[in-house]
Every structure is written in C-alpha cells, then in structure tokens.
Amino acid sequence: MNNQTKEIMTILQEEAAEVIVEISKCLRFGISEDNLNRLNKELGDLQLMIDLLVDEEIGVTHGKIFNAKIQKIEKLMVYSNIDLSV
C-alpha cells in the first residue's frame, strides 16, 4: 500500500467515526436543523473519501460498492421493517 492510499484510508476511517458521532447526536438530541447540517457535512466528507479510495484503483470500485448496496437492500427486505419503496 502506498502512502497516499494509506492516508486516504486513515481519513476515511476518521470520517466514518465522525458520521457515527453525528448520528448519535441526532438520536440523543433529535433531528434538528443544526444536527442535520452537521450530519450532511460528515456524510459528504465520508463520500468524498470513498470516491478518493475508488480513484486509487486498489480494487475498491463503484461497481463493487453498488453490488454490495444491492445485497444490503435484499437483506433489509428480509430482516428489517424499513420501507424500501422510496
């Protein structure tokens, strides 16, 4: 793994943790405009780092991510009560 890939993965990990923090705040304190703004910012930061990791061409691809999303949808249809018709 080269230094750039390692740095992208490190920042990606940090951004994932920051998303967790903002979700926790929404759950604890409610979905206020401020909490949603912070959550959206962190989700954007996370998405950027995912895109940068894809650009590294180490085997993480948009196609593989999309396929994983389809598999997750199928699991949610069986094991959750989430309305996926949206």
N, C-alpha and C. Protein backbone atom coordinates (compact mmCIF):
# COMPACT_ATOMS: atom_id res chain seq x y z
N MET A 1 0.87 -1.17 0.00
CA MET A 1 0.00 0.00 0.00
C MET A 1 0.91 1.23 0.00
N ASN A 2 0.62 2.16 -0.91
CA ASN A 2 1.44 3.37 -0.95
C ASN A 2 0.96 4.38 0.09
N ASN A 3 1.76 5.43 0.29
CA ASN A 3 1.45 6.42 1.33
C ASN A 3 0.14 7.14 1.08
N GLN A 4 -0.18 7.43 -0.18
CA GLN A 4 -1.43 8.14 -0.48
C GLN A 4 -2.63 7.28 -0.12
N THR A 5 -2.60 6.01 -0.51
CA THR A 5 -3.70 5.10 -0.18
C THR A 5 -3.86 4.99 1.33
N LYS A 6 -2.75 4.88 2.03
CA LYS A 6 -2.80 4.77 3.49
C LYS A 6 -3.41 6.03 4.10
N GLU A 7 -3.05 7.19 3.59
CA GLU A 7 -3.60 8.43 4.12
C GLU A 7 -5.10 8.53 3.83
N ILE A 8 -5.51 8.15 2.62
CA ILE A 8 -6.93 8.17 2.27
C ILE A 8 -7.71 7.24 3.19
N MET A 9 -7.18 6.04 3.43
CA MET A 9 -7.87 5.09 4.30
C MET A 9 -7.94 5.60 5.73
N THR A 10 -6.89 6.26 6.20
CA THR A 10 -6.89 6.80 7.56
C THR A 10 -7.95 7.89 7.70
N ILE A 11 -8.00 8.78 6.73
CA ILE A 11 -9.01 9.86 6.78
C ILE A 11 -10.40 9.29 6.61
N LEU A 12 -10.56 8.29 5.74
CA LEU A 12 -11.86 7.63 5.56
C LEU A 12 -12.33 7.04 6.89
N GLN A 13 -11.43 6.40 7.61
CA GLN A 13 -11.77 5.83 8.91
C GLN A 13 -12.21 6.92 9.89
N GLU A 14 -11.49 8.03 9.90
CA GLU A 14 -11.84 9.14 10.78
C GLU A 14 -13.20 9.72 10.42
N GLU A 15 -13.47 9.86 9.13
CA GLU A 15 -14.76 10.40 8.68
C GLU A 15 -15.90 9.46 9.05
N ALA A 16 -15.67 8.15 8.94
CA ALA A 16 -16.71 7.19 9.34
C ALA A 16 -17.04 7.36 10.82
N ALA A 17 -16.01 7.57 11.64
CA ALA A 17 -16.24 7.78 13.07
C ALA A 17 -17.02 9.07 13.31
N GLU A 18 -16.72 10.11 12.54
CA GLU A 18 -17.43 11.37 12.71
C GLU A 18 -18.90 11.25 12.30
N VAL A 19 -19.20 10.43 11.30
CA VAL A 19 -20.59 10.16 10.94
C VAL A 19 -21.30 9.48 12.11
N ILE A 20 -20.63 8.54 12.74
CA ILE A 20 -21.22 7.85 13.89
C ILE A 20 -21.55 8.85 15.00
N VAL A 21 -20.65 9.78 15.26
CA VAL A 21 -20.88 10.78 16.30
C VAL A 21 -22.12 11.61 15.97
N GLU A 22 -22.24 12.07 14.71
CA GLU A 22 -23.37 12.92 14.35
C GLU A 22 -24.69 12.15 14.37
N ILE A 23 -24.67 10.88 14.01
CA ILE A 23 -25.88 10.05 14.12
C ILE A 23 -26.28 9.92 15.59
N SER A 24 -25.30 9.71 16.45
CA SER A 24 -25.59 9.61 17.88
C SER A 24 -26.23 10.89 18.41
N LYS A 25 -25.75 12.04 17.96
CA LYS A 25 -26.33 13.31 18.39
C LYS A 25 -27.78 13.44 17.92
N CYS A 26 -28.05 13.01 16.68
CA CYS A 26 -29.44 13.04 16.18
C CYS A 26 -30.33 12.14 17.02
N LEU A 27 -29.84 10.98 17.38
CA LEU A 27 -30.63 10.05 18.18
C LEU A 27 -30.83 10.56 19.60
N ARG A 28 -29.81 11.17 20.17
CA ARG A 28 -29.89 11.65 21.56
C ARG A 28 -30.67 12.95 21.68
N PHE A 29 -30.43 13.88 20.74
CA PHE A 29 -30.95 15.24 20.90
C PHE A 29 -32.02 15.62 19.88
N GLY A 30 -32.31 14.72 18.94
CA GLY A 30 -33.34 14.99 17.95
C GLY A 30 -32.77 15.45 16.62
N ILE A 31 -33.61 15.37 15.63
CA ILE A 31 -33.20 15.73 14.27
C ILE A 31 -33.50 17.21 14.05
N SER A 32 -32.66 18.04 14.64
CA SER A 32 -32.79 19.49 14.47
C SER A 32 -32.07 19.91 13.19
N GLU A 33 -32.30 21.13 12.77
CA GLU A 33 -31.63 21.63 11.57
C GLU A 33 -30.11 21.62 11.75
N ASP A 34 -29.64 22.03 12.92
CA ASP A 34 -28.19 22.03 13.18
C ASP A 34 -27.62 20.61 13.14
N ASN A 35 -28.30 19.67 13.77
CA ASN A 35 -27.82 18.29 13.76
C ASN A 35 -27.81 17.72 12.35
N LEU A 36 -28.85 18.03 11.57
CA LEU A 36 -28.89 17.54 10.19
C LEU A 36 -27.80 18.18 9.34
N ASN A 37 -27.52 19.45 9.56
CA ASN A 37 -26.44 20.12 8.81
C ASN A 37 -25.10 19.46 9.10
N ARG A 38 -24.84 19.16 10.38
CA ARG A 38 -23.59 18.50 10.73
C ARG A 38 -23.52 17.08 10.16
N LEU A 39 -24.65 16.37 10.20
CA LEU A 39 -24.69 15.02 9.64
C LEU A 39 -24.44 15.05 8.13
N ASN A 40 -25.10 15.97 7.44
CA ASN A 40 -24.89 16.09 5.99
C ASN A 40 -23.44 16.41 5.65
N LYS A 41 -22.81 17.29 6.44
CA LYS A 41 -21.41 17.64 6.20
C LYS A 41 -20.53 16.41 6.35
N GLU A 42 -20.73 15.66 7.42
CA GLU A 42 -19.90 14.48 7.65
C GLU A 42 -20.15 13.39 6.61
N LEU A 43 -21.40 13.23 6.18
CA LEU A 43 -21.70 12.26 5.12
C LEU A 43 -21.02 12.66 3.82
N GLY A 44 -21.00 13.96 3.52
CA GLY A 44 -20.30 14.44 2.34
C GLY A 44 -18.80 14.18 2.41
N ASP A 45 -18.22 14.44 3.59
CA ASP A 45 -16.80 14.16 3.79
C ASP A 45 -16.51 12.67 3.60
N LEU A 46 -17.39 11.83 4.14
CA LEU A 46 -17.22 10.38 4.01
C LEU A 46 -17.32 9.96 2.55
N GLN A 47 -18.31 10.49 1.83
CA GLN A 47 -18.48 10.13 0.42
C GLN A 47 -17.27 10.53 -0.40
N LEU A 48 -16.72 11.72 -0.12
CA LEU A 48 -15.51 12.14 -0.84
C LEU A 48 -14.38 11.15 -0.63
N MET A 49 -14.17 10.73 0.60
CA MET A 49 -13.07 9.82 0.88
C MET A 49 -13.30 8.46 0.23
N ILE A 50 -14.56 8.02 0.15
CA ILE A 50 -14.87 6.78 -0.58
C ILE A 50 -14.51 6.95 -2.05
N ASP A 51 -14.90 8.07 -2.63
CA ASP A 51 -14.58 8.33 -4.03
C ASP A 51 -13.08 8.38 -4.27
N LEU A 52 -12.35 9.02 -3.35
CA LEU A 52 -10.89 9.07 -3.50
C LEU A 52 -10.27 7.68 -3.40
N LEU A 53 -10.82 6.84 -2.53
CA LEU A 53 -10.31 5.47 -2.42
C LEU A 53 -10.57 4.70 -3.72
N VAL A 54 -11.73 4.89 -4.31
CA VAL A 54 -12.02 4.26 -5.60
C VAL A 54 -11.00 4.71 -6.65
N ASP A 55 -10.69 6.00 -6.64
CA ASP A 55 -9.72 6.55 -7.60
C ASP A 55 -8.33 5.96 -7.46
N GLU A 56 -8.02 5.39 -6.30
CA GLU A 56 -6.71 4.78 -6.07
C GLU A 56 -6.52 3.48 -6.86
N GLU A 57 -7.62 2.92 -7.37
CA GLU A 57 -7.57 1.70 -8.19
C GLU A 57 -6.85 0.54 -7.49
N ILE A 58 -7.26 0.31 -6.23
CA ILE A 58 -6.68 -0.82 -5.48
C ILE A 58 -7.65 -2.00 -5.41
N GLY A 59 -8.78 -1.88 -6.08
CA GLY A 59 -9.76 -2.96 -6.06
C GLY A 59 -11.10 -2.55 -5.47
N VAL A 60 -11.16 -1.36 -4.86
CA VAL A 60 -12.44 -0.81 -4.43
C VAL A 60 -13.00 -0.06 -5.62
N THR A 61 -14.19 -0.47 -6.09
CA THR A 61 -14.76 0.15 -7.29
C THR A 61 -16.21 0.56 -7.03
N HIS A 62 -16.66 1.52 -7.83
CA HIS A 62 -18.07 1.91 -7.72
C HIS A 62 -18.98 0.74 -8.03
N GLY A 63 -18.59 -0.11 -8.98
CA GLY A 63 -19.39 -1.28 -9.31
C GLY A 63 -19.52 -2.25 -8.16
N LYS A 64 -18.41 -2.52 -7.48
CA LYS A 64 -18.44 -3.43 -6.33
C LYS A 64 -19.25 -2.82 -5.18
N ILE A 65 -19.11 -1.51 -4.99
CA ILE A 65 -19.89 -0.83 -3.95
C ILE A 65 -21.37 -0.92 -4.29
N PHE A 66 -21.72 -0.69 -5.56
CA PHE A 66 -23.12 -0.79 -5.98
C PHE A 66 -23.66 -2.20 -5.74
N ASN A 67 -22.89 -3.22 -6.09
CA ASN A 67 -23.33 -4.60 -5.87
C ASN A 67 -23.54 -4.88 -4.39
N ALA A 68 -22.67 -4.34 -3.55
CA ALA A 68 -22.83 -4.51 -2.10
C ALA A 68 -24.10 -3.82 -1.62
N LYS A 69 -24.43 -2.67 -2.21
CA LYS A 69 -25.66 -1.97 -1.85
C LYS A 69 -26.88 -2.81 -2.21
N ILE A 70 -26.86 -3.44 -3.36
CA ILE A 70 -27.98 -4.30 -3.78
C ILE A 70 -28.14 -5.46 -2.80
N GLN A 71 -27.02 -6.07 -2.42
CA GLN A 71 -27.08 -7.18 -1.46
C GLN A 71 -27.63 -6.70 -0.12
N LYS A 72 -27.27 -5.50 0.31
CA LYS A 72 -27.78 -4.96 1.57
C LYS A 72 -29.28 -4.70 1.47
N ILE A 73 -29.73 -4.18 0.34
CA ILE A 73 -31.17 -3.96 0.14
C ILE A 73 -31.92 -5.28 0.29
N GLU A 74 -31.39 -6.33 -0.32
CA GLU A 74 -32.04 -7.64 -0.24
C GLU A 74 -32.11 -8.13 1.21
N LYS A 75 -31.06 -7.93 1.98
CA LYS A 75 -31.08 -8.33 3.39
C LYS A 75 -32.08 -7.50 4.19
N LEU A 76 -32.11 -6.19 3.92
CA LEU A 76 -33.03 -5.32 4.63
C LEU A 76 -34.48 -5.69 4.34
N MET A 77 -34.75 -6.13 3.12
CA MET A 77 -36.11 -6.53 2.75
C MET A 77 -36.55 -7.73 3.59
N VAL A 78 -35.62 -8.56 3.97
CA VAL A 78 -35.94 -9.75 4.75
C VAL A 78 -35.92 -9.47 6.25
N TYR A 79 -34.90 -8.73 6.71
CA TYR A 79 -34.62 -8.64 8.14
C TYR A 79 -34.96 -7.29 8.79
N SER A 80 -35.52 -6.36 8.05
CA SER A 80 -35.84 -5.07 8.67
C SER A 80 -37.26 -4.64 8.31
N ASN A 81 -37.70 -3.60 8.98
CA ASN A 81 -39.01 -3.02 8.70
C ASN A 81 -38.90 -1.72 7.91
N ILE A 82 -37.73 -1.45 7.36
CA ILE A 82 -37.50 -0.22 6.61
C ILE A 82 -38.30 -0.27 5.29
N ASP A 83 -39.02 0.82 5.02
CA ASP A 83 -39.78 0.93 3.76
C ASP A 83 -38.79 1.25 2.64
N LEU A 84 -38.51 0.30 1.78
CA LEU A 84 -37.55 0.49 0.70
C LEU A 84 -38.21 0.85 -0.62
N SER A 85 -39.48 1.19 -0.59
CA SER A 85 -40.19 1.53 -1.83
C SER A 85 -39.95 2.98 -2.25
N VAL A 86 -39.18 3.71 -1.47
CA VAL A 86 -38.96 5.14 -1.74
C VAL A 86 -38.08 5.34 -2.94
